[in-house]
Amino acid sequence: MIMKSSSEVENIAKESSPMMAKLAELFIRLLAKEGYKLADDENLDYKHVAEVVNREDRYEFLRDIMPRKITFGEYKKMQGIQENGNEEGTSTEDDSGSEDSSSDDSQ
């Protein structure tokens, strides 16, 4: 049980389990309602809930496990920035610092 996973907890009253289940249900319902406000139609998607989590400071504790949905292109650009250390993420240099060597005819 999650509540007993803490080493600081010794005893848990039997009434607390149903109460925690109800609290979790209400929390998920609130998060879903806020996500529906961002949805264009009747469908609630991950991107709507993730947007709520990333907009609202009160959901900051969920940001690591519910990041904003990004495209593959955005991901590659972010990786380029981290790997190359530049802001553009558009460098065509390989790890050795030389330009693309596939057009080198001297080999």
PDB file of N, CA and C in Angstrom:
ATOM      1  N   MET A   1       0.847  -1.179   0.000  1.00  0.00           N
ATOM      2  CA  MET A   1       0.000   0.000   0.000  1.00  0.00           C
ATOM      3  C   MET A   1       0.892   1.241   0.000  1.00  0.00           C
ATOM      4  N   ILE A   2       0.523   2.237  -0.758  1.00  0.00           N
ATOM      5  CA  ILE A   2       1.314   3.452  -0.914  1.00  0.00           C
ATOM      6  C   ILE A   2       1.490   4.177   0.416  1.00  0.00           C
ATOM      7  N   MET A   3       0.454   4.234   1.216  1.00  0.00           N
ATOM      8  CA  MET A   3       0.534   4.975   2.474  1.00  0.00           C
ATOM      9  C   MET A   3       1.539   4.346   3.436  1.00  0.00           C
ATOM     10  N   LYS A   4       1.762   3.058   3.356  1.00  0.00           N
ATOM     11  CA  LYS A   4       2.715   2.394   4.243  1.00  0.00           C
ATOM     12  C   LYS A   4       4.128   2.386   3.681  1.00  0.00           C
ATOM     13  N   SER A   5       4.329   2.944   2.510  1.00  0.00           N
ATOM     14  CA  SER A   5       5.656   2.932   1.901  1.00  0.00           C
ATOM     15  C   SER A   5       6.626   3.878   2.596  1.00  0.00           C
ATOM     16  N   SER A   6       6.122   4.823   3.356  1.00  0.00           N
ATOM     17  CA  SER A   6       6.973   5.740   4.097  1.00  0.00           C
ATOM     18  C   SER A   6       7.467   5.065   5.373  1.00  0.00           C
ATOM     19  N   SER A   7       8.750   5.214   5.644  1.00  0.00           N
ATOM     20  CA  SER A   7       9.314   4.621   6.857  1.00  0.00           C
ATOM     21  C   SER A   7       8.834   5.335   8.117  1.00  0.00           C
ATOM     22  N   GLU A   8       8.285   6.520   7.966  1.00  0.00           N
ATOM     23  CA  GLU A   8       7.803   7.294   9.105  1.00  0.00           C
ATOM     24  C   GLU A   8       6.410   6.873   9.560  1.00  0.00           C
ATOM     25  N   VAL A   9       5.716   6.079   8.751  1.00  0.00           N
ATOM     26  CA  VAL A   9       4.346   5.678   9.056  1.00  0.00           C
ATOM     27  C   VAL A   9       4.363   4.291   9.687  1.00  0.00           C
ATOM     28  N   GLU A  10       3.785   4.202  10.877  1.00  0.00           N
ATOM     29  CA  GLU A  10       3.724   2.920  11.561  1.00  0.00           C
ATOM     30  C   GLU A  10       2.347   2.284  11.444  1.00  0.00           C
ATOM     31  N   ASN A  11       1.312   3.028  11.791  1.00  0.00           N
ATOM     32  CA  ASN A  11      -0.044   2.503  11.763  1.00  0.00           C
ATOM     33  C   ASN A  11      -0.936   3.400  10.921  1.00  0.00           C
ATOM     34  N   ILE A  12      -1.854   2.775  10.206  1.00  0.00           N
ATOM     35  CA  ILE A  12      -2.813   3.512   9.384  1.00  0.00           C
ATOM     36  C   ILE A  12      -4.205   3.026   9.748  1.00  0.00           C
ATOM     37  N   ALA A  13      -5.077   3.965  10.082  1.00  0.00           N
ATOM     38  CA  ALA A  13      -6.449   3.607  10.429  1.00  0.00           C
ATOM     39  C   ALA A  13      -7.163   3.038   9.216  1.00  0.00           C
ATOM     40  N   LYS A  14      -8.026   2.046   9.438  1.00  0.00           N
ATOM     41  CA  LYS A  14      -8.700   1.408   8.307  1.00  0.00           C
ATOM     42  C   LYS A  14      -9.624   2.368   7.570  1.00  0.00           C
ATOM     43  N   GLU A  15     -10.059   3.441   8.215  1.00  0.00           N
ATOM     44  CA  GLU A  15     -10.927   4.422   7.555  1.00  0.00           C
ATOM     45  C   GLU A  15     -10.156   5.297   6.571  1.00  0.00           C
ATOM     46  N   SER A  16      -8.831   5.355   6.708  1.00  0.00           N
ATOM     47  CA  SER A  16      -8.051   6.249   5.856  1.00  0.00           C
ATOM     48  C   SER A  16      -7.927   5.747   4.419  1.00  0.00           C
ATOM     49  N   SER A  17      -7.966   4.448   4.205  1.00  0.00           N
ATOM     50  CA  SER A  17      -7.834   3.925   2.839  1.00  0.00           C
ATOM     51  C   SER A  17      -8.988   4.356   1.928  1.00  0.00           C
ATOM     52  N   PRO A  18     -10.239   4.182   2.340  1.00  0.00           N
ATOM     53  CA  PRO A  18     -11.330   4.672   1.479  1.00  0.00           C
ATOM     54  C   PRO A  18     -11.303   6.185   1.296  1.00  0.00           C
ATOM     55  N   MET A  19     -10.879   6.902   2.336  1.00  0.00           N
ATOM     56  CA  MET A  19     -10.800   8.356   2.240  1.00  0.00           C
ATOM     57  C   MET A  19      -9.727   8.765   1.223  1.00  0.00           C
ATOM     58  N   MET A  20      -8.573   8.128   1.255  1.00  0.00           N
ATOM     59  CA  MET A  20      -7.508   8.438   0.296  1.00  0.00           C
ATOM     60  C   MET A  20      -7.936   8.085  -1.129  1.00  0.00           C
ATOM     61  N   ALA A  21      -8.666   6.993  -1.295  1.00  0.00           N
ATOM     62  CA  ALA A  21      -9.169   6.620  -2.620  1.00  0.00           C
ATOM     63  C   ALA A  21     -10.130   7.680  -3.141  1.00  0.00           C
ATOM     64  N   LYS A  22     -10.992   8.191  -2.279  1.00  0.00           N
ATOM     65  CA  LYS A  22     -11.937   9.239  -2.670  1.00  0.00           C
ATOM     66  C   LYS A  22     -11.196  10.533  -3.006  1.00  0.00           C
ATOM     67  N   LEU A  23     -10.185  10.879  -2.218  1.00  0.00           N
ATOM     68  CA  LEU A  23      -9.395  12.074  -2.500  1.00  0.00           C
ATOM     69  C   LEU A  23      -8.682  11.964  -3.844  1.00  0.00           C
ATOM     70  N   ALA A  24      -8.140  10.793  -4.144  1.00  0.00           N
ATOM     71  CA  ALA A  24      -7.478  10.587  -5.435  1.00  0.00           C
ATOM     72  C   ALA A  24      -8.489  10.725  -6.577  1.00  0.00           C
ATOM     73  N   GLU A  25      -9.673  10.178  -6.382  1.00  0.00           N
ATOM     74  CA  GLU A  25     -10.726  10.293  -7.401  1.00  0.00           C
ATOM     75  C   GLU A  25     -11.100  11.749  -7.636  1.00  0.00           C
ATOM     76  N   LEU A  26     -11.263  12.519  -6.569  1.00  0.00           N
ATOM     77  CA  LEU A  26     -11.617  13.931  -6.705  1.00  0.00           C
ATOM     78  C   LEU A  26     -10.496  14.739  -7.370  1.00  0.00           C
ATOM     79  N   PHE A  27      -9.257  14.401  -7.046  1.00  0.00           N
ATOM     80  CA  PHE A  27      -8.123  15.075  -7.658  1.00  0.00           C
ATOM     81  C   PHE A  27      -8.085  14.821  -9.161  1.00  0.00           C
ATOM     82  N   ILE A  28      -8.266  13.587  -9.555  1.00  0.00           N
ATOM     83  CA  ILE A  28      -8.261  13.238 -10.987  1.00  0.00           C
ATOM     84  C   ILE A  28      -9.439  13.899 -11.697  1.00  0.00           C
ATOM     85  N   ARG A  29     -10.587  13.956 -11.037  1.00  0.00           N
ATOM     86  CA  ARG A  29     -11.764  14.609 -11.624  1.00  0.00           C
ATOM     87  C   ARG A  29     -11.488  16.103 -11.847  1.00  0.00           C
ATOM     88  N   LEU A  30     -10.869  16.768 -10.878  1.00  0.00           N
ATOM     89  CA  LEU A  30     -10.542  18.191 -11.003  1.00  0.00           C
ATOM     90  C   LEU A  30      -9.559  18.420 -12.151  1.00  0.00           C
ATOM     91  N   LEU A  31      -8.540  17.595 -12.217  1.00  0.00           N
ATOM     92  CA  LEU A  31      -7.541  17.714 -13.285  1.00  0.00           C
ATOM     93  C   LEU A  31      -8.188  17.497 -14.652  1.00  0.00           C
ATOM     94  N   ALA A  32      -9.077  16.527 -14.750  1.00  0.00           N
ATOM     95  CA  ALA A  32      -9.775  16.258 -16.013  1.00  0.00           C
ATOM     96  C   ALA A  32     -10.695  17.422 -16.399  1.00  0.00           C
ATOM     97  N   LYS A  33     -11.413  17.988 -15.438  1.00  0.00           N
ATOM     98  CA  LYS A  33     -12.291  19.127 -15.731  1.00  0.00           C
ATOM     99  C   LYS A  33     -11.500  20.317 -16.262  1.00  0.00           C
ATOM    100  N   GLU A  34     -10.347  20.567 -15.659  1.00  0.00           N
ATOM    101  CA  GLU A  34      -9.518  21.669 -16.135  1.00  0.00           C
ATOM    102  C   GLU A  34      -8.962  21.367 -17.520  1.00  0.00           C
ATOM    103  N   GLY A  35      -8.661  20.132 -17.787  1.00  0.00           N
ATOM    104  CA  GLY A  35      -8.202  19.736 -19.121  1.00  0.00           C
ATOM    105  C   GLY A  35      -9.291  19.887 -20.162  1.00  0.00           C
ATOM    106  N   TYR A  36     -10.531  19.550 -19.805  1.00  0.00           N
ATOM    107  CA  TYR A  36     -11.652  19.699 -20.737  1.00  0.00           C
ATOM    108  C   TYR A  36     -11.859  21.147 -21.161  1.00  0.00           C
ATOM    109  N   LYS A  37     -11.512  22.076 -20.299  1.00  0.00           N
ATOM    110  CA  LYS A  37     -11.651  23.493 -20.661  1.00  0.00           C
ATOM    111  C   LYS A  37     -10.745  23.860 -21.836  1.00  0.00           C
ATOM    112  N   LEU A  38      -9.644  23.143 -21.997  1.00  0.00           N
ATOM    113  CA  LEU A  38      -8.707  23.409 -23.096  1.00  0.00           C
ATOM    114  C   LEU A  38      -9.033  22.611 -24.352  1.00  0.00           C
ATOM    115  N   ALA A  39      -9.874  21.595 -24.220  1.00  0.00           N
ATOM    116  CA  ALA A  39     -10.194  20.729 -25.358  1.00  0.00           C
ATOM    117  C   ALA A  39     -11.150  21.435 -26.312  1.00  0.00           C
ATOM    118  N   ASP A  40     -10.923  21.238 -27.603  1.00  0.00           N
ATOM    119  CA  ASP A  40     -11.785  21.841 -28.618  1.00  0.00           C
ATOM    120  C   ASP A  40     -13.093  21.078 -28.787  1.00  0.00           C
ATOM    121  N   ASP A  41     -13.061  19.797 -28.499  1.00  0.00           N
ATOM    122  CA  ASP A  41     -14.246  18.971 -28.672  1.00  0.00           C
ATOM    123  C   ASP A  41     -14.497  18.181 -27.394  1.00  0.00           C
ATOM    124  N   GLU A  42     -15.218  17.095 -27.503  1.00  0.00           N
ATOM    125  CA  GLU A  42     -15.562  16.288 -26.343  1.00  0.00           C
ATOM    126  C   GLU A  42     -14.434  15.375 -25.878  1.00  0.00           C
ATOM    127  N   ASN A  43     -13.342  15.310 -26.632  1.00  0.00           N
ATOM    128  CA  ASN A  43     -12.265  14.376 -26.316  1.00  0.00           C
ATOM    129  C   ASN A  43     -11.191  15.031 -25.462  1.00  0.00           C
ATOM    130  N   LEU A  44     -10.873  14.379 -24.357  1.00  0.00           N
ATOM    131  CA  LEU A  44      -9.797  14.826 -23.488  1.00  0.00           C
ATOM    132  C   LEU A  44      -8.554  14.035 -23.847  1.00  0.00           C
ATOM    133  N   ASP A  45      -7.485  14.733 -24.214  1.00  0.00           N
ATOM    134  CA  ASP A  45      -6.247  14.085 -24.602  1.00  0.00           C
ATOM    135  C   ASP A  45      -5.163  14.401 -23.581  1.00  0.00           C
ATOM    136  N   TYR A  46      -4.075  13.641 -23.692  1.00  0.00           N
ATOM    137  CA  TYR A  46      -2.913  13.859 -22.831  1.00  0.00           C
ATOM    138  C   TYR A  46      -2.441  15.305 -22.910  1.00  0.00           C
ATOM    139  N   LYS A  47      -2.427  15.856 -24.126  1.00  0.00           N
ATOM    140  CA  LYS A  47      -1.897  17.209 -24.300  1.00  0.00           C
ATOM    141  C   LYS A  47      -2.689  18.235 -23.492  1.00  0.00           C
ATOM    142  N   HIS A  48      -3.989  18.019 -23.309  1.00  0.00           N
ATOM    143  CA  HIS A  48      -4.806  18.955 -22.541  1.00  0.00           C
ATOM    144  C   HIS A  48      -4.438  18.902 -21.056  1.00  0.00           C
ATOM    145  N   VAL A  49      -4.328  17.695 -20.525  1.00  0.00           N
ATOM    146  CA  VAL A  49      -3.985  17.545 -19.110  1.00  0.00           C
ATOM    147  C   VAL A  49      -2.555  18.028 -18.859  1.00  0.00           C
ATOM    148  N   ALA A  50      -1.639  17.695 -19.753  1.00  0.00           N
ATOM    149  CA  ALA A  50      -0.250  18.130 -19.599  1.00  0.00           C
ATOM    150  C   ALA A  50      -0.152  19.651 -19.646  1.00  0.00           C
ATOM    151  N   GLU A  51      -0.960  20.283 -20.468  1.00  0.00           N
ATOM    152  CA  GLU A  51      -0.950  21.745 -20.545  1.00  0.00           C
ATOM    153  C   GLU A  51      -1.423  22.359 -19.227  1.00  0.00           C
ATOM    154  N   VAL A  52      -2.458  21.775 -18.626  1.00  0.00           N
ATOM    155  CA  VAL A  52      -2.933  22.254 -17.323  1.00  0.00           C
ATOM    156  C   VAL A  52      -1.818  22.117 -16.283  1.00  0.00           C
ATOM    157  N   VAL A  53      -1.167  20.967 -16.269  1.00  0.00           N
ATOM    158  CA  VAL A  53      -0.094  20.716 -15.304  1.00  0.00           C
ATOM    159  C   VAL A  53       1.030  21.731 -15.473  1.00  0.00           C
ATOM    160  N   ASN A  54       1.356  22.066 -16.704  1.00  0.00           N
ATOM    161  CA  ASN A  54       2.472  22.986 -16.948  1.00  0.00           C
ATOM    162  C   ASN A  54       2.089  24.457 -16.828  1.00  0.00           C
ATOM    163  N   ARG A  55       0.817  24.776 -16.854  1.00  0.00           N
ATOM    164  CA  ARG A  55       0.365  26.168 -16.689  1.00  0.00           C
ATOM    165  C   ARG A  55       0.184  26.551 -15.229  1.00  0.00           C
ATOM    166  N   GLU A  56      -0.335  25.627 -14.439  1.00  0.00           N
ATOM    167  CA  GLU A  56      -0.724  25.917 -13.062  1.00  0.00           C
ATOM    168  C   GLU A  56       0.401  25.574 -12.086  1.00  0.00           C
ATOM    169  N   ASP A  57       0.760  26.532 -11.251  1.00  0.00           N
ATOM    170  CA  ASP A  57       1.817  26.303 -10.262  1.00  0.00           C
ATOM    171  C   ASP A  57       1.436  25.228  -9.245  1.00  0.00           C
ATOM    172  N   ARG A  58       0.160  25.087  -8.974  1.00  0.00           N
ATOM    173  CA  ARG A  58      -0.243  24.101  -7.968  1.00  0.00           C
ATOM    174  C   ARG A  58      -0.014  22.663  -8.411  1.00  0.00           C
ATOM    175  N   TYR A  59       0.210  22.447  -9.703  1.00  0.00           N
ATOM    176  CA  TYR A  59       0.490  21.104 -10.214  1.00  0.00           C
ATOM    177  C   TYR A  59       1.973  20.908 -10.530  1.00  0.00           C
ATOM    178  N   GLU A  60       2.812  21.769 -10.001  1.00  0.00           N
ATOM    179  CA  GLU A  60       4.241  21.704 -10.289  1.00  0.00           C
ATOM    180  C   GLU A  60       4.832  20.332  -9.961  1.00  0.00           C
ATOM    181  N   PHE A  61       4.328  19.668  -8.942  1.00  0.00           N
ATOM    182  CA  PHE A  61       4.850  18.362  -8.546  1.00  0.00           C
ATOM    183  C   PHE A  61       4.613  17.289  -9.605  1.00  0.00           C
ATOM    184  N   LEU A  62       3.758  17.542 -10.575  1.00  0.00           N
ATOM    185  CA  LEU A  62       3.471  16.580 -11.648  1.00  0.00           C
ATOM    186  C   LEU A  62       4.256  16.860 -12.932  1.00  0.00           C
ATOM    187  N   ARG A  63       4.977  17.944 -13.003  1.00  0.00           N
ATOM    188  CA  ARG A  63       5.618  18.348 -14.260  1.00  0.00           C
ATOM    189  C   ARG A  63       6.657  17.354 -14.761  1.00  0.00           C
ATOM    190  N   ASP A  64       7.363  16.700 -13.877  1.00  0.00           N
ATOM    191  CA  ASP A  64       8.364  15.731 -14.321  1.00  0.00           C
ATOM    192  C   ASP A  64       7.737  14.496 -14.948  1.00  0.00           C
ATOM    193  N   ILE A  65       6.556  14.123 -14.486  1.00  0.00           N
ATOM    194  CA  ILE A  65       5.928  12.911 -15.019  1.00  0.00           C
ATOM    195  C   ILE A  65       4.876  13.201 -16.079  1.00  0.00           C
ATOM    196  N   MET A  66       4.522  14.473 -16.264  1.00  0.00           N
ATOM    197  CA  MET A  66       3.560  14.872 -17.297  1.00  0.00           C
ATOM    198  C   MET A  66       4.076  16.072 -18.074  1.00  0.00           C
ATOM    199  N   PRO A  67       5.159  15.908 -18.816  1.00  0.00           N
ATOM    200  CA  PRO A  67       5.666  17.049 -19.588  1.00  0.00           C
ATOM    201  C   PRO A  67       4.733  17.391 -20.743  1.00  0.00           C
ATOM    202  N   ARG A  68       4.900  18.597 -21.265  1.00  0.00           N
ATOM    203  CA  ARG A  68       4.122  19.001 -22.440  1.00  0.00           C
ATOM    204  C   ARG A  68       4.416  18.062 -23.597  1.00  0.00           C
ATOM    205  N   LYS A  69       3.422  17.808 -24.394  1.00  0.00           N
ATOM    206  CA  LYS A  69       3.602  16.984 -25.583  1.00  0.00           C
ATOM    207  C   LYS A  69       4.307  17.830 -26.638  1.00  0.00           C
ATOM    208  N   ILE A  70       5.378  17.287 -27.191  1.00  0.00           N
ATOM    209  CA  ILE A  70       6.125  18.005 -28.222  1.00  0.00           C
ATOM    210  C   ILE A  70       6.261  17.118 -29.444  1.00  0.00           C
ATOM    211  N   THR A  71       6.530  17.732 -30.568  1.00  0.00           N
ATOM    212  CA  THR A  71       6.729  16.974 -31.803  1.00  0.00           C
ATOM    213  C   THR A  71       8.144  16.405 -31.833  1.00  0.00           C
ATOM    214  N   PHE A  72       8.374  15.446 -32.706  1.00  0.00           N
ATOM    215  CA  PHE A  72       9.695  14.858 -32.845  1.00  0.00           C
ATOM    216  C   PHE A  72      10.704  15.919 -33.294  1.00  0.00           C
ATOM    217  N   GLY A  73      10.277  16.815 -34.161  1.00  0.00           N
ATOM    218  CA  GLY A  73      11.155  17.891 -34.618  1.00  0.00           C
ATOM    219  C   GLY A  73      11.590  18.794 -33.470  1.00  0.00           C
ATOM    220  N   GLU A  74      10.657  19.115 -32.577  1.00  0.00           N
ATOM    221  CA  GLU A  74      11.000  19.927 -31.411  1.00  0.00           C
ATOM    222  C   GLU A  74      11.978  19.186 -30.502  1.00  0.00           C
ATOM    223  N   TYR A  75      11.765  17.879 -30.355  1.00  0.00           N
ATOM    224  CA  TYR A  75      12.665  17.068 -29.542  1.00  0.00           C
ATOM    225  C   TYR A  75      14.070  17.056 -30.129  1.00  0.00           C
ATOM    226  N   LYS A  76      14.167  16.845 -31.445  1.00  0.00           N
ATOM    227  CA  LYS A  76      15.479  16.815 -32.101  1.00  0.00           C
ATOM    228  C   LYS A  76      16.184  18.163 -31.952  1.00  0.00           C
ATOM    229  N   LYS A  77      15.432  19.240 -32.055  1.00  0.00           N
ATOM    230  CA  LYS A  77      16.022  20.569 -31.890  1.00  0.00           C
ATOM    231  C   LYS A  77      16.542  20.745 -30.470  1.00  0.00           C
ATOM    232  N   MET A  78      15.778  20.281 -29.479  1.00  0.00           N
ATOM    233  CA  MET A  78      16.224  20.360 -28.092  1.00  0.00           C
ATOM    234  C   MET A  78      17.488  19.525 -27.887  1.00  0.00           C
ATOM    235  N   GLN A  79      17.553  18.357 -28.484  1.00  0.00           N
ATOM    236  CA  GLN A  79      18.734  17.501 -28.358  1.00  0.00           C
ATOM    237  C   GLN A  79      19.929  18.155 -29.029  1.00  0.00           C
ATOM    238  N   GLY A  80      19.706  18.806 -30.149  1.00  0.00           N
ATOM    239  CA  GLY A  80      20.784  19.507 -30.826  1.00  0.00           C
ATOM    240  C   GLY A  80      21.358  20.608 -29.969  1.00  0.00           C
ATOM    241  N   ILE A  81      20.512  21.313 -29.264  1.00  0.00           N
ATOM    242  CA  ILE A  81      20.962  22.384 -28.370  1.00  0.00           C
ATOM    243  C   ILE A  81      21.791  21.794 -27.246  1.00  0.00           C
ATOM    244  N   GLN A  82      21.352  20.692 -26.669  1.00  0.00           N
ATOM    245  CA  GLN A  82      22.076  20.090 -25.552  1.00  0.00           C
ATOM    246  C   GLN A  82      23.400  19.487 -26.012  1.00  0.00           C
ATOM    247  N   GLU A  83      23.417  18.816 -27.154  1.00  0.00           N
ATOM    248  CA  GLU A  83      24.620  18.157 -27.628  1.00  0.00           C
ATOM    249  C   GLU A  83      25.651  19.152 -28.158  1.00  0.00           C
ATOM    250  N   ASN A  84      25.208  20.148 -28.909  1.00  0.00           N
ATOM    251  CA  ASN A  84      26.113  21.094 -29.546  1.00  0.00           C
ATOM    252  C   ASN A  84      26.421  22.305 -28.676  1.00  0.00           C
ATOM    253  N   GLY A  85      25.590  22.554 -27.703  1.00  0.00           N
ATOM    254  CA  GLY A  85      25.815  23.700 -26.832  1.00  0.00           C
ATOM    255  C   GLY A  85      25.484  25.019 -27.493  1.00  0.00           C
ATOM    256  N   ASN A  86      24.813  24.981 -28.645  1.00  0.00           N
ATOM    257  CA  ASN A  86      24.425  26.233 -29.294  1.00  0.00           C
ATOM    258  C   ASN A  86      22.926  26.418 -29.169  1.00  0.00           C
ATOM    259  N   GLU A  87      22.462  27.619 -29.431  1.00  0.00           N
ATOM    260  CA  GLU A  87      21.049  27.910 -29.285  1.00  0.00           C
ATOM    261  C   GLU A  87      20.244  27.497 -30.494  1.00  0.00           C
ATOM    262  N   GLU A  88      20.867  27.418 -31.642  1.00  0.00           N
ATOM    263  CA  GLU A  88      20.156  27.099 -32.863  1.00  0.00           C
ATOM    264  C   GLU A  88      19.885  25.609 -33.007  1.00  0.00           C
ATOM    265  N   GLY A  89      20.846  24.777 -32.621  1.00  0.00           N
ATOM    266  CA  GLY A  89      20.689  23.345 -32.792  1.00  0.00           C
ATOM    267  C   GLY A  89      20.784  22.937 -34.246  1.00  0.00           C
ATOM    268  N   THR A  90      21.476  23.764 -35.069  1.00  0.00           N
ATOM    269  CA  THR A  90      21.504  23.514 -36.507  1.00  0.00           C
ATOM    270  C   THR A  90      22.894  23.214 -37.034  1.00  0.00           C
ATOM    271  N   SER A  91      23.863  23.026 -36.175  1.00  0.00           N
ATOM    272  CA  SER A  91      25.228  22.781 -36.616  1.00  0.00           C
ATOM    273  C   SER A  91      25.315  21.485 -37.406  1.00  0.00           C
ATOM    274  N   THR A  92      26.113  21.508 -38.505  1.00  0.00           N
ATOM    275  CA  THR A  92      26.286  20.318 -39.312  1.00  0.00           C
ATOM    276  C   THR A  92      27.625  19.656 -39.053  1.00  0.00           C
ATOM    277  N   GLU A  93      28.328  20.099 -38.029  1.00  0.00           N
ATOM    278  CA  GLU A  93      29.622  19.523 -37.710  1.00  0.00           C
ATOM    279  C   GLU A  93      29.439  18.193 -36.991  1.00  0.00           C
ATOM    280  N   ASP A  94      30.370  17.256 -37.253  1.00  0.00           N
ATOM    281  CA  ASP A  94      30.340  16.001 -36.525  1.00  0.00           C
ATOM    282  C   ASP A  94      31.115  16.153 -35.224  1.00  0.00           C
ATOM    283  N   ASP A  95      31.293  15.059 -34.465  1.00  0.00           N
ATOM    284  CA  ASP A  95      31.949  15.119 -33.161  1.00  0.00           C
ATOM    285  C   ASP A  95      33.390  15.598 -33.246  1.00  0.00           C
ATOM    286  N   SER A  96      34.072  15.396 -34.383  1.00  0.00           N
ATOM    287  CA  SER A  96      35.466  15.804 -34.503  1.00  0.00           C
ATOM    288  C   SER A  96      35.621  17.288 -34.810  1.00  0.00           C
ATOM    289  N   GLY A  97      34.512  17.962 -35.098  1.00  0.00           N
ATOM    290  CA  GLY A  97      34.552  19.386 -35.374  1.00  0.00           C
ATOM    291  C   GLY A  97      34.675  19.695 -36.852  1.00  0.00           C
ATOM    292  N   SER A  98      34.750  18.671 -37.706  1.00  0.00           N
ATOM    293  CA  SER A  98      34.871  18.918 -39.143  1.00  0.00           C
ATOM    294  C   SER A  98      33.497  18.877 -39.790  1.00  0.00           C
ATOM    295  N   GLU A  99      33.413  19.527 -40.925  1.00  0.00           N
ATOM    296  CA  GLU A  99      32.160  19.520 -41.661  1.00  0.00           C
ATOM    297  C   GLU A  99      31.904  18.133 -42.217  1.00  0.00           C
ATOM    298  N   ASP A 100      30.737  17.910 -42.784  1.00  0.00           N
ATOM    299  CA  ASP A 100      30.336  16.627 -43.353  1.00  0.00           C
ATOM    300  C   ASP A 100      31.417  16.112 -44.304  1.00  0.00           C
ATOM    301  N   SER A 101      32.002  14.953 -44.001  1.00  0.00           N
ATOM    302  CA  SER A 101      33.130  14.423 -44.787  1.00  0.00           C
ATOM    303  C   SER A 101      32.694  13.506 -45.911  1.00  0.00           C
ATOM    304  N   SER A 102      31.422  13.320 -46.132  1.00  0.00           N
ATOM    305  CA  SER A 102      30.952  12.408 -47.174  1.00  0.00           C
ATOM    306  C   SER A 102      31.253  12.955 -48.573  1.00  0.00           C
ATOM    307  N   SER A 103      31.497  14.248 -48.706  1.00  0.00           N
ATOM    308  CA  SER A 103      31.789  14.822 -50.019  1.00  0.00           C
ATOM    309  C   SER A 103      33.280  14.966 -50.256  1.00  0.00           C
ATOM    310  N   ASP A 104      34.118  14.456 -49.352  1.00  0.00           N
ATOM    311  CA  ASP A 104      35.565  14.552 -49.467  1.00  0.00           C
ATOM    312  C   ASP A 104      36.066  13.506 -50.473  1.00  0.00           C
ATOM    313  N   ASP A 105      36.631  13.952 -51.623  1.00  0.00           N
ATOM    314  CA  ASP A 105      37.065  13.043 -52.680  1.00  0.00           C
ATOM    315  C   ASP A 105      38.518  12.599 -52.534  1.00  0.00           C
ATOM    316  N   SER A 106      39.240  13.096 -51.548  1.00  0.00           N
ATOM    317  CA  SER A 106      40.665  12.802 -51.437  1.00  0.00           C
ATOM    318  C   SER A 106      40.945  11.446 -50.802  1.00  0.00           C
ATOM    319  N   GLN A 107      39.954  10.691 -50.435  1.00  0.00           N
ATOM    320  CA  GLN A 107      40.189   9.405 -49.794  1.00  0.00           C
ATOM    321  C   GLN A 107      40.302   8.300 -50.739  1.00  0.00           C
TER     322      GLN A 107
END
